[in-house]
Amino acid sequence: MSSSPYRLPLGLPRIERDERGGALAGVAAGIARSLGVDATLVRLTFALLAFAGGAGVAAYAGAWLALPTEEGSEPSQRRRVLGLVLLVVAGASRSAGSVSPTR
């Protein structure tokens, strides 16, 4: 075991798009494979989030831009940054929709 206080004690799975096993761009299939769940569950999560102010669409597009393919082709720096921005927008759009204004 490492003595560094900044190292995580567990290994996080590497998430890659699975273009061969995917229905659209392989995002849901890649996430499902890395989490060890059925891809249908991940697809349903994206679909339900699509009704939450479009957060699912933005999150799927962001993941498609940011995640590498399983063949190892890494996205460009610009594409990865744009994908991460879309993921942040997806998270912010969902949280902003649940805040009620006070008078």
PDB file of N, CA and C in Angstrom:
ATOM      1  N   MET A   1       0.840  -1.168   0.000  1.00  0.00           N
ATOM      2  CA  MET A   1       0.000   0.000   0.000  1.00  0.00           C
ATOM      3  C   MET A   1       0.886   1.231   0.000  1.00  0.00           C
ATOM      4  N   SER A   2       0.478   2.241  -0.753  1.00  0.00           N
ATOM      5  CA  SER A   2       1.250   3.469  -0.882  1.00  0.00           C
ATOM      6  C   SER A   2       1.103   4.323   0.374  1.00  0.00           C
ATOM      7  N   SER A   3       2.162   5.026   0.722  1.00  0.00           N
ATOM      8  CA  SER A   3       2.122   5.879   1.896  1.00  0.00           C
ATOM      9  C   SER A   3       1.696   7.306   1.557  1.00  0.00           C
ATOM     10  N   SER A   4       1.429   7.589   0.283  1.00  0.00           N
ATOM     11  CA  SER A   4       1.017   8.929  -0.126  1.00  0.00           C
ATOM     12  C   SER A   4      -0.399   9.211   0.359  1.00  0.00           C
ATOM     13  N   PRO A   5      -0.618  10.337   1.036  1.00  0.00           N
ATOM     14  CA  PRO A   5      -1.967  10.645   1.523  1.00  0.00           C
ATOM     15  C   PRO A   5      -2.912  11.089   0.411  1.00  0.00           C
ATOM     16  N   TYR A   6      -2.393  11.345  -0.796  1.00  0.00           N
ATOM     17  CA  TYR A   6      -3.223  11.844  -1.883  1.00  0.00           C
ATOM     18  C   TYR A   6      -3.664  10.764  -2.865  1.00  0.00           C
ATOM     19  N   ARG A   7      -3.269   9.551  -2.650  1.00  0.00           N
ATOM     20  CA  ARG A   7      -3.608   8.466  -3.568  1.00  0.00           C
ATOM     21  C   ARG A   7      -4.908   7.803  -3.135  1.00  0.00           C
ATOM     22  N   LEU A   8      -5.800   7.565  -4.103  1.00  0.00           N
ATOM     23  CA  LEU A   8      -7.054   6.879  -3.812  1.00  0.00           C
ATOM     24  C   LEU A   8      -6.779   5.413  -3.499  1.00  0.00           C
ATOM     25  N   PRO A   9      -7.492   4.821  -2.567  1.00  0.00           N
ATOM     26  CA  PRO A   9      -7.235   3.434  -2.201  1.00  0.00           C
ATOM     27  C   PRO A   9      -7.824   2.426  -3.181  1.00  0.00           C
ATOM     28  N   LEU A  10      -8.520   2.875  -4.215  1.00  0.00           N
ATOM     29  CA  LEU A  10      -9.111   1.935  -5.155  1.00  0.00           C
ATOM     30  C   LEU A  10      -8.828   2.377  -6.572  1.00  0.00           C
ATOM     31  N   GLY A  11      -8.961   1.459  -7.496  1.00  0.00           N
ATOM     32  CA  GLY A  11      -8.756   1.786  -8.894  1.00  0.00           C
ATOM     33  C   GLY A  11     -10.071   2.135  -9.548  1.00  0.00           C
ATOM     34  N   LEU A  12     -10.127   3.257 -10.215  1.00  0.00           N
ATOM     35  CA  LEU A  12     -11.331   3.667 -10.917  1.00  0.00           C
ATOM     36  C   LEU A  12     -11.319   3.076 -12.317  1.00  0.00           C
ATOM     37  N   PRO A  13     -12.483   2.613 -12.804  1.00  0.00           N
ATOM     38  CA  PRO A  13     -12.505   2.013 -14.137  1.00  0.00           C
ATOM     39  C   PRO A  13     -12.305   3.065 -15.218  1.00  0.00           C
ATOM     40  N   ARG A  14     -11.655   2.672 -16.285  1.00  0.00           N
ATOM     41  CA  ARG A  14     -11.474   3.559 -17.431  1.00  0.00           C
ATOM     42  C   ARG A  14     -12.720   3.444 -18.300  1.00  0.00           C
ATOM     43  N   ILE A  15     -13.343   4.566 -18.575  1.00  0.00           N
ATOM     44  CA  ILE A  15     -14.560   4.573 -19.379  1.00  0.00           C
ATOM     45  C   ILE A  15     -14.181   4.917 -20.812  1.00  0.00           C
ATOM     46  N   GLU A  16     -14.576   4.052 -21.724  1.00  0.00           N
ATOM     47  CA  GLU A  16     -14.321   4.245 -23.147  1.00  0.00           C
ATOM     48  C   GLU A  16     -15.612   3.990 -23.913  1.00  0.00           C
ATOM     49  N   ARG A  17     -15.763   4.672 -25.047  1.00  0.00           N
ATOM     50  CA  ARG A  17     -16.936   4.424 -25.883  1.00  0.00           C
ATOM     51  C   ARG A  17     -16.791   3.069 -26.558  1.00  0.00           C
ATOM     52  N   ASP A  18     -17.868   2.302 -26.576  1.00  0.00           N
ATOM     53  CA  ASP A  18     -17.890   0.987 -27.217  1.00  0.00           C
ATOM     54  C   ASP A  18     -18.699   1.118 -28.505  1.00  0.00           C
ATOM     55  N   GLU A  19     -18.024   1.494 -29.582  1.00  0.00           N
ATOM     56  CA  GLU A  19     -18.724   1.765 -30.837  1.00  0.00           C
ATOM     57  C   GLU A  19     -19.328   0.509 -31.459  1.00  0.00           C
ATOM     58  N   ARG A  20     -18.737  -0.641 -31.200  1.00  0.00           N
ATOM     59  CA  ARG A  20     -19.269  -1.876 -31.776  1.00  0.00           C
ATOM     60  C   ARG A  20     -20.521  -2.348 -31.050  1.00  0.00           C
ATOM     61  N   GLY A  21     -20.575  -2.158 -29.742  1.00  0.00           N
ATOM     62  CA  GLY A  21     -21.710  -2.626 -28.965  1.00  0.00           C
ATOM     63  C   GLY A  21     -22.752  -1.559 -28.698  1.00  0.00           C
ATOM     64  N   GLY A  22     -22.548  -0.385 -29.249  1.00  0.00           N
ATOM     65  CA  GLY A  22     -23.445   0.725 -28.964  1.00  0.00           C
ATOM     66  C   GLY A  22     -24.571   0.839 -29.961  1.00  0.00           C
ATOM     67  N   ALA A  23     -25.666   1.448 -29.511  1.00  0.00           N
ATOM     68  CA  ALA A  23     -26.800   1.665 -30.387  1.00  0.00           C
ATOM     69  C   ALA A  23     -26.635   2.948 -31.197  1.00  0.00           C
ATOM     70  N   LEU A  24     -25.999   3.964 -30.601  1.00  0.00           N
ATOM     71  CA  LEU A  24     -25.839   5.235 -31.293  1.00  0.00           C
ATOM     72  C   LEU A  24     -24.348   5.543 -31.475  1.00  0.00           C
ATOM     73  N   ALA A  25     -23.694   5.989 -30.428  1.00  0.00           N
ATOM     74  CA  ALA A  25     -22.271   6.323 -30.526  1.00  0.00           C
ATOM     75  C   ALA A  25     -21.425   5.491 -29.572  1.00  0.00           C
ATOM     76  N   GLY A  26     -22.040   4.591 -28.825  1.00  0.00           N
ATOM     77  CA  GLY A  26     -21.302   3.718 -27.930  1.00  0.00           C
ATOM     78  C   GLY A  26     -21.055   4.277 -26.546  1.00  0.00           C
ATOM     79  N   VAL A  27     -21.632   5.435 -26.232  1.00  0.00           N
ATOM     80  CA  VAL A  27     -21.418   6.047 -24.922  1.00  0.00           C
ATOM     81  C   VAL A  27     -22.058   5.198 -23.824  1.00  0.00           C
ATOM     82  N   ALA A  28     -23.332   4.877 -23.968  1.00  0.00           N
ATOM     83  CA  ALA A  28     -24.031   4.106 -22.942  1.00  0.00           C
ATOM     84  C   ALA A  28     -23.432   2.711 -22.794  1.00  0.00           C
ATOM     85  N   ALA A  29     -23.068   2.075 -23.913  1.00  0.00           N
ATOM     86  CA  ALA A  29     -22.475   0.740 -23.857  1.00  0.00           C
ATOM     87  C   ALA A  29     -21.122   0.772 -23.147  1.00  0.00           C
ATOM     88  N   GLY A  30     -20.327   1.809 -23.397  1.00  0.00           N
ATOM     89  CA  GLY A  30     -19.028   1.925 -22.739  1.00  0.00           C
ATOM     90  C   GLY A  30     -19.148   2.190 -21.253  1.00  0.00           C
ATOM     91  N   ILE A  31     -20.086   3.075 -20.881  1.00  0.00           N
ATOM     92  CA  ILE A  31     -20.302   3.352 -19.461  1.00  0.00           C
ATOM     93  C   ILE A  31     -20.816   2.101 -18.760  1.00  0.00           C
ATOM     94  N   ALA A  32     -21.754   1.404 -19.393  1.00  0.00           N
ATOM     95  CA  ALA A  32     -22.314   0.191 -18.798  1.00  0.00           C
ATOM     96  C   ALA A  32     -21.246  -0.876 -18.599  1.00  0.00           C
ATOM     97  N   ARG A  33     -20.377  -1.053 -19.582  1.00  0.00           N
ATOM     98  CA  ARG A  33     -19.324  -2.068 -19.465  1.00  0.00           C
ATOM     99  C   ARG A  33     -18.372  -1.740 -18.321  1.00  0.00           C
ATOM    100  N   SER A  34     -18.015  -0.465 -18.181  1.00  0.00           N
ATOM    101  CA  SER A  34     -17.072  -0.110 -17.125  1.00  0.00           C
ATOM    102  C   SER A  34     -17.702  -0.187 -15.746  1.00  0.00           C
ATOM    103  N   LEU A  35     -19.011   0.015 -15.648  1.00  0.00           N
ATOM    104  CA  LEU A  35     -19.706  -0.082 -14.360  1.00  0.00           C
ATOM    105  C   LEU A  35     -20.214  -1.484 -14.055  1.00  0.00           C
ATOM    106  N   GLY A  36     -20.241  -2.338 -15.067  1.00  0.00           N
ATOM    107  CA  GLY A  36     -20.713  -3.702 -14.875  1.00  0.00           C
ATOM    108  C   GLY A  36     -22.223  -3.803 -14.787  1.00  0.00           C
ATOM    109  N   VAL A  37     -22.938  -2.945 -15.513  1.00  0.00           N
ATOM    110  CA  VAL A  37     -24.401  -2.977 -15.536  1.00  0.00           C
ATOM    111  C   VAL A  37     -24.873  -3.150 -16.966  1.00  0.00           C
ATOM    112  N   ASP A  38     -26.171  -3.366 -17.127  1.00  0.00           N
ATOM    113  CA  ASP A  38     -26.758  -3.518 -18.453  1.00  0.00           C
ATOM    114  C   ASP A  38     -26.806  -2.158 -19.150  1.00  0.00           C
ATOM    115  N   ALA A  39     -26.500  -2.139 -20.437  1.00  0.00           N
ATOM    116  CA  ALA A  39     -26.488  -0.887 -21.191  1.00  0.00           C
ATOM    117  C   ALA A  39     -27.877  -0.258 -21.262  1.00  0.00           C
ATOM    118  N   THR A  40     -28.915  -1.071 -21.189  1.00  0.00           N
ATOM    119  CA  THR A  40     -30.282  -0.543 -21.216  1.00  0.00           C
ATOM    120  C   THR A  40     -30.532   0.376 -20.033  1.00  0.00           C
ATOM    121  N   LEU A  41     -29.993   0.053 -18.884  1.00  0.00           N
ATOM    122  CA  LEU A  41     -30.148   0.891 -17.700  1.00  0.00           C
ATOM    123  C   LEU A  41     -29.497   2.258 -17.911  1.00  0.00           C
ATOM    124  N   VAL A  42     -28.333   2.278 -18.515  1.00  0.00           N
ATOM    125  CA  VAL A  42     -27.642   3.545 -18.781  1.00  0.00           C
ATOM    126  C   VAL A  42     -28.411   4.334 -19.829  1.00  0.00           C
ATOM    127  N   ARG A  43     -28.923   3.671 -20.859  1.00  0.00           N
ATOM    128  CA  ARG A  43     -29.712   4.356 -21.891  1.00  0.00           C
ATOM    129  C   ARG A  43     -30.975   4.962 -21.301  1.00  0.00           C
ATOM    130  N   LEU A  44     -31.637   4.221 -20.418  1.00  0.00           N
ATOM    131  CA  LEU A  44     -32.842   4.751 -19.762  1.00  0.00           C
ATOM    132  C   LEU A  44     -32.514   5.964 -18.896  1.00  0.00           C
ATOM    133  N   THR A  45     -31.362   5.950 -18.248  1.00  0.00           N
ATOM    134  CA  THR A  45     -30.948   7.096 -17.438  1.00  0.00           C
ATOM    135  C   THR A  45     -30.763   8.328 -18.313  1.00  0.00           C
ATOM    136  N   PHE A  46     -30.099   8.175 -19.444  1.00  0.00           N
ATOM    137  CA  PHE A  46     -29.938   9.301 -20.366  1.00  0.00           C
ATOM    138  C   PHE A  46     -31.294   9.773 -20.891  1.00  0.00           C
ATOM    139  N   ALA A  47     -32.193   8.828 -21.189  1.00  0.00           N
ATOM    140  CA  ALA A  47     -33.519   9.196 -21.701  1.00  0.00           C
ATOM    141  C   ALA A  47     -34.327   9.955 -20.654  1.00  0.00           C
ATOM    142  N   LEU A  48     -34.295   9.503 -19.408  1.00  0.00           N
ATOM    143  CA  LEU A  48     -35.021  10.209 -18.352  1.00  0.00           C
ATOM    144  C   LEU A  48     -34.429  11.594 -18.098  1.00  0.00           C
ATOM    145  N   LEU A  49     -33.110  11.702 -18.171  1.00  0.00           N
ATOM    146  CA  LEU A  49     -32.474  13.005 -17.993  1.00  0.00           C
ATOM    147  C   LEU A  49     -32.773  13.945 -19.161  1.00  0.00           C
ATOM    148  N   ALA A  50     -33.115  13.396 -20.323  1.00  0.00           N
ATOM    149  CA  ALA A  50     -33.477  14.239 -21.459  1.00  0.00           C
ATOM    150  C   ALA A  50     -34.745  15.031 -21.159  1.00  0.00           C
ATOM    151  N   PHE A  51     -35.613  14.482 -20.320  1.00  0.00           N
ATOM    152  CA  PHE A  51     -36.834  15.188 -19.926  1.00  0.00           C
ATOM    153  C   PHE A  51     -36.571  16.178 -18.798  1.00  0.00           C
ATOM    154  N   ALA A  52     -35.388  16.204 -18.268  1.00  0.00           N
ATOM    155  CA  ALA A  52     -35.014  17.125 -17.187  1.00  0.00           C
ATOM    156  C   ALA A  52     -34.286  18.324 -17.788  1.00  0.00           C
ATOM    157  N   GLY A  53     -35.000  19.076 -18.580  1.00  0.00           N
ATOM    158  CA  GLY A  53     -34.417  20.269 -19.177  1.00  0.00           C
ATOM    159  C   GLY A  53     -33.372  19.973 -20.228  1.00  0.00           C
ATOM    160  N   GLY A  54     -33.380  18.785 -20.807  1.00  0.00           N
ATOM    161  CA  GLY A  54     -32.414  18.433 -21.839  1.00  0.00           C
ATOM    162  C   GLY A  54     -31.056  18.010 -21.300  1.00  0.00           C
ATOM    163  N   ALA A  55     -30.983  17.777 -19.994  1.00  0.00           N
ATOM    164  CA  ALA A  55     -29.701  17.420 -19.377  1.00  0.00           C
ATOM    165  C   ALA A  55     -29.145  16.115 -19.936  1.00  0.00           C
ATOM    166  N   GLY A  56     -30.011  15.166 -20.243  1.00  0.00           N
ATOM    167  CA  GLY A  56     -29.551  13.881 -20.776  1.00  0.00           C
ATOM    168  C   GLY A  56     -28.923  14.015 -22.152  1.00  0.00           C
ATOM    169  N   VAL A  57     -29.493  14.885 -22.972  1.00  0.00           N
ATOM    170  CA  VAL A  57     -28.942  15.111 -24.316  1.00  0.00           C
ATOM    171  C   VAL A  57     -27.575  15.779 -24.212  1.00  0.00           C
ATOM    172  N   ALA A  58     -27.480  16.792 -23.365  1.00  0.00           N
ATOM    173  CA  ALA A  58     -26.200  17.485 -23.191  1.00  0.00           C
ATOM    174  C   ALA A  58     -25.153  16.556 -22.578  1.00  0.00           C
ATOM    175  N   ALA A  59     -25.568  15.722 -21.613  1.00  0.00           N
ATOM    176  CA  ALA A  59     -24.626  14.799 -20.976  1.00  0.00           C
ATOM    177  C   ALA A  59     -24.139  13.744 -21.965  1.00  0.00           C
ATOM    178  N   TYR A  60     -25.038  13.216 -22.799  1.00  0.00           N
ATOM    179  CA  TYR A  60     -24.651  12.211 -23.789  1.00  0.00           C
ATOM    180  C   TYR A  60     -23.688  12.826 -24.807  1.00  0.00           C
ATOM    181  N   ALA A  61     -24.025  14.032 -25.287  1.00  0.00           N
ATOM    182  CA  ALA A  61     -23.152  14.697 -26.263  1.00  0.00           C
ATOM    183  C   ALA A  61     -21.793  15.012 -25.640  1.00  0.00           C
ATOM    184  N   GLY A  62     -21.788  15.449 -24.397  1.00  0.00           N
ATOM    185  CA  GLY A  62     -20.525  15.736 -23.725  1.00  0.00           C
ATOM    186  C   GLY A  62     -19.677  14.499 -23.547  1.00  0.00           C
ATOM    187  N   ALA A  63     -20.317  13.395 -23.170  1.00  0.00           N
ATOM    188  CA  ALA A  63     -19.575  12.141 -23.011  1.00  0.00           C
ATOM    189  C   ALA A  63     -19.057  11.649 -24.356  1.00  0.00           C
ATOM    190  N   TRP A  64     -19.853  11.820 -25.411  1.00  0.00           N
ATOM    191  CA  TRP A  64     -19.424  11.408 -26.743  1.00  0.00           C
ATOM    192  C   TRP A  64     -18.188  12.196 -27.174  1.00  0.00           C
ATOM    193  N   LEU A  65     -18.156  13.477 -26.851  1.00  0.00           N
ATOM    194  CA  LEU A  65     -17.013  14.305 -27.221  1.00  0.00           C
ATOM    195  C   LEU A  65     -15.782  14.015 -26.358  1.00  0.00           C
ATOM    196  N   ALA A  66     -15.987  13.744 -25.073  1.00  0.00           N
ATOM    197  CA  ALA A  66     -14.862  13.642 -24.139  1.00  0.00           C
ATOM    198  C   ALA A  66     -14.256  12.243 -24.030  1.00  0.00           C
ATOM    199  N   LEU A  67     -15.046  11.199 -24.242  1.00  0.00           N
ATOM    200  CA  LEU A  67     -14.550   9.838 -24.016  1.00  0.00           C
ATOM    201  C   LEU A  67     -13.773   9.300 -25.213  1.00  0.00           C
ATOM    202  N   PRO A  68     -12.687   8.593 -24.947  1.00  0.00           N
ATOM    203  CA  PRO A  68     -11.945   7.953 -26.044  1.00  0.00           C
ATOM    204  C   PRO A  68     -12.666   6.685 -26.502  1.00  0.00           C
ATOM    205  N   THR A  69     -12.311   6.212 -27.692  1.00  0.00           N
ATOM    206  CA  THR A  69     -12.865   4.945 -28.163  1.00  0.00           C
ATOM    207  C   THR A  69     -12.060   3.804 -27.565  1.00  0.00           C
ATOM    208  N   GLU A  70     -12.626   2.619 -27.602  1.00  0.00           N
ATOM    209  CA  GLU A  70     -11.910   1.481 -27.022  1.00  0.00           C
ATOM    210  C   GLU A  70     -10.709   1.073 -27.864  1.00  0.00           C
ATOM    211  N   GLU A  71     -10.644   1.524 -29.113  1.00  0.00           N
ATOM    212  CA  GLU A  71      -9.465   1.255 -29.931  1.00  0.00           C
ATOM    213  C   GLU A  71      -8.280   2.098 -29.490  1.00  0.00           C
ATOM    214  N   GLY A  72      -8.526   3.052 -28.611  1.00  0.00           N
ATOM    215  CA  GLY A  72      -7.447   3.842 -28.055  1.00  0.00           C
ATOM    216  C   GLY A  72      -7.271   5.212 -28.667  1.00  0.00           C
ATOM    217  N   SER A  73      -8.141   5.584 -29.603  1.00  0.00           N
ATOM    218  CA  SER A  73      -7.992   6.914 -30.191  1.00  0.00           C
ATOM    219  C   SER A  73      -8.530   7.963 -29.217  1.00  0.00           C
ATOM    220  N   GLU A  74      -7.611   8.742 -28.705  1.00  0.00           N
ATOM    221  CA  GLU A  74      -7.957   9.784 -27.736  1.00  0.00           C
ATOM    222  C   GLU A  74      -8.540  10.985 -28.482  1.00  0.00           C
ATOM    223  N   PRO A  75      -9.564  11.633 -27.907  1.00  0.00           N
ATOM    224  CA  PRO A  75     -10.084  12.852 -28.531  1.00  0.00           C
ATOM    225  C   PRO A  75      -9.080  13.987 -28.407  1.00  0.00           C
ATOM    226  N   SER A  76      -9.182  14.936 -29.305  1.00  0.00           N
ATOM    227  CA  SER A  76      -8.275  16.081 -29.253  1.00  0.00           C
ATOM    228  C   SER A  76      -8.541  16.896 -27.983  1.00  0.00           C
ATOM    229  N   GLN A  77      -7.590  17.737 -27.639  1.00  0.00           N
ATOM    230  CA  GLN A  77      -7.724  18.578 -26.444  1.00  0.00           C
ATOM    231  C   GLN A  77      -8.961  19.462 -26.553  1.00  0.00           C
ATOM    232  N   ARG A  78      -9.184  20.044 -27.705  1.00  0.00           N
ATOM    233  CA  ARG A  78     -10.339  20.922 -27.918  1.00  0.00           C
ATOM    234  C   ARG A  78     -11.651  20.161 -27.775  1.00  0.00           C
ATOM    235  N   ARG A  79     -11.715  18.969 -28.364  1.00  0.00           N
ATOM    236  CA  ARG A  79     -12.927  18.159 -28.285  1.00  0.00           C
ATOM    237  C   ARG A  79     -13.200  17.722 -26.844  1.00  0.00           C
ATOM    238  N   ARG A  80     -12.160  17.351 -26.118  1.00  0.00           N
ATOM    239  CA  ARG A  80     -12.321  16.926 -24.727  1.00  0.00           C
ATOM    240  C   ARG A  80     -12.815  18.079 -23.852  1.00  0.00           C
ATOM    241  N   VAL A  81     -12.268  19.271 -24.048  1.00  0.00           N
ATOM    242  CA  VAL A  81     -12.699  20.444 -23.275  1.00  0.00           C
ATOM    243  C   VAL A  81     -14.153  20.766 -23.586  1.00  0.00           C
ATOM    244  N   LEU A  82     -14.533  20.726 -24.862  1.00  0.00           N
ATOM    245  CA  LEU A  82     -15.922  20.988 -25.241  1.00  0.00           C
ATOM    246  C   LEU A  82     -16.854  19.944 -24.613  1.00  0.00           C
ATOM    247  N   GLY A  83     -16.435  18.692 -24.592  1.00  0.00           N
ATOM    248  CA  GLY A  83     -17.233  17.646 -23.961  1.00  0.00           C
ATOM    249  C   GLY A  83     -17.404  17.871 -22.478  1.00  0.00           C
ATOM    250  N   LEU A  84     -16.341  18.265 -21.800  1.00  0.00           N
ATOM    251  CA  LEU A  84     -16.430  18.534 -20.366  1.00  0.00           C
ATOM    252  C   LEU A  84     -17.313  19.740 -20.083  1.00  0.00           C
ATOM    253  N   VAL A  85     -17.262  20.754 -20.950  1.00  0.00           N
ATOM    254  CA  VAL A  85     -18.147  21.913 -20.792  1.00  0.00           C
ATOM    255  C   VAL A  85     -19.601  21.481 -20.930  1.00  0.00           C
ATOM    256  N   LEU A  86     -19.898  20.623 -21.896  1.00  0.00           N
ATOM    257  CA  LEU A  86     -21.268  20.122 -22.058  1.00  0.00           C
ATOM    258  C   LEU A  86     -21.716  19.308 -20.848  1.00  0.00           C
ATOM    259  N   LEU A  87     -20.815  18.526 -20.275  1.00  0.00           N
ATOM    260  CA  LEU A  87     -21.168  17.766 -19.072  1.00  0.00           C
ATOM    261  C   LEU A  87     -21.475  18.691 -17.901  1.00  0.00           C
ATOM    262  N   VAL A  88     -20.721  19.763 -17.770  1.00  0.00           N
ATOM    263  CA  VAL A  88     -20.979  20.740 -16.709  1.00  0.00           C
ATOM    264  C   VAL A  88     -22.310  21.447 -16.956  1.00  0.00           C
ATOM    265  N   VAL A  89     -22.579  21.801 -18.215  1.00  0.00           N
ATOM    266  CA  VAL A  89     -23.854  22.440 -18.560  1.00  0.00           C
ATOM    267  C   VAL A  89     -25.013  21.497 -18.240  1.00  0.00           C
ATOM    268  N   ALA A  90     -24.843  20.215 -18.525  1.00  0.00           N
ATOM    269  CA  ALA A  90     -25.894  19.240 -18.222  1.00  0.00           C
ATOM    270  C   ALA A  90     -26.160  19.187 -16.725  1.00  0.00           C
ATOM    271  N   GLY A  91     -25.119  19.169 -15.935  1.00  0.00           N
ATOM    272  CA  GLY A  91     -25.288  19.156 -14.488  1.00  0.00           C
ATOM    273  C   GLY A  91     -25.886  20.446 -13.964  1.00  0.00           C
ATOM    274  N   ALA A  92     -25.459  21.563 -14.525  1.00  0.00           N
ATOM    275  CA  ALA A  92     -25.972  22.860 -14.076  1.00  0.00           C
ATOM    276  C   ALA A  92     -27.421  23.059 -14.505  1.00  0.00           C
ATOM    277  N   SER A  93     -27.789  22.564 -15.683  1.00  0.00           N
ATOM    278  CA  SER A  93     -29.168  22.749 -16.140  1.00  0.00           C
ATOM    279  C   SER A  93     -30.128  21.958 -15.275  1.00  0.00           C
ATOM    280  N   ARG A  94     -29.720  20.813 -14.814  1.00  0.00           N
ATOM    281  CA  ARG A  94     -30.583  20.013 -13.945  1.00  0.00           C
ATOM    282  C   ARG A  94     -30.697  20.653 -12.574  1.00  0.00           C
ATOM    283  N   SER A  95     -29.599  21.128 -12.027  1.00  0.00           N
ATOM    284  CA  SER A  95     -29.660  21.719 -10.692  1.00  0.00           C
ATOM    285  C   SER A  95     -30.331  23.086 -10.737  1.00  0.00           C
ATOM    286  N   ALA A  96     -30.202  23.832 -11.828  1.00  0.00           N
ATOM    287  CA  ALA A  96     -30.844  25.132 -11.919  1.00  0.00           C
ATOM    288  C   ALA A  96     -32.344  24.978 -12.062  1.00  0.00           C
ATOM    289  N   GLY A  97     -32.792  23.898 -12.670  1.00  0.00           N
ATOM    290  CA  GLY A  97     -34.240  23.682 -12.840  1.00  0.00           C
ATOM    291  C   GLY A  97     -34.924  23.316 -11.531  1.00  0.00           C
ATOM    292  N   SER A  98     -34.179  22.855 -10.541  1.00  0.00           N
ATOM    293  CA  SER A  98     -34.807  22.432  -9.306  1.00  0.00           C
ATOM    294  C   SER A  98     -34.819  23.540  -8.251  1.00  0.00           C
ATOM    295  N   VAL A  99     -34.213  24.691  -8.555  1.00  0.00           N
ATOM    296  CA  VAL A  99     -34.166  25.790  -7.595  1.00  0.00           C
ATOM    297  C   VAL A  99     -35.384  26.685  -7.835  1.00  0.00           C
ATOM    298  N   SER A 100     -36.148  26.939  -6.787  1.00  0.00           N
ATOM    299  CA  SER A 100     -37.296  27.806  -6.927  1.00  0.00           C
ATOM    300  C   SER A 100     -36.929  29.213  -6.493  1.00  0.00           C
ATOM    301  N   PRO A 101     -37.381  30.211  -7.252  1.00  0.00           N
ATOM    302  CA  PRO A 101     -37.036  31.582  -6.888  1.00  0.00           C
ATOM    303  C   PRO A 101     -37.772  32.015  -5.630  1.00  0.00           C
ATOM    304  N   THR A 102     -37.132  32.857  -4.846  1.00  0.00           N
ATOM    305  CA  THR A 102     -37.757  33.386  -3.636  1.00  0.00           C
ATOM    306  C   THR A 102     -38.132  34.839  -3.871  1.00  0.00           C
ATOM    307  N   ARG A 103     -39.196  35.235  -3.270  1.00  0.00           N
ATOM    308  CA  ARG A 103     -39.658  36.624  -3.454  1.00  0.00           C
ATOM    309  C   ARG A 103     -39.522  37.390  -2.193  1.00  0.00           C
TER     310      ARG A 103
END
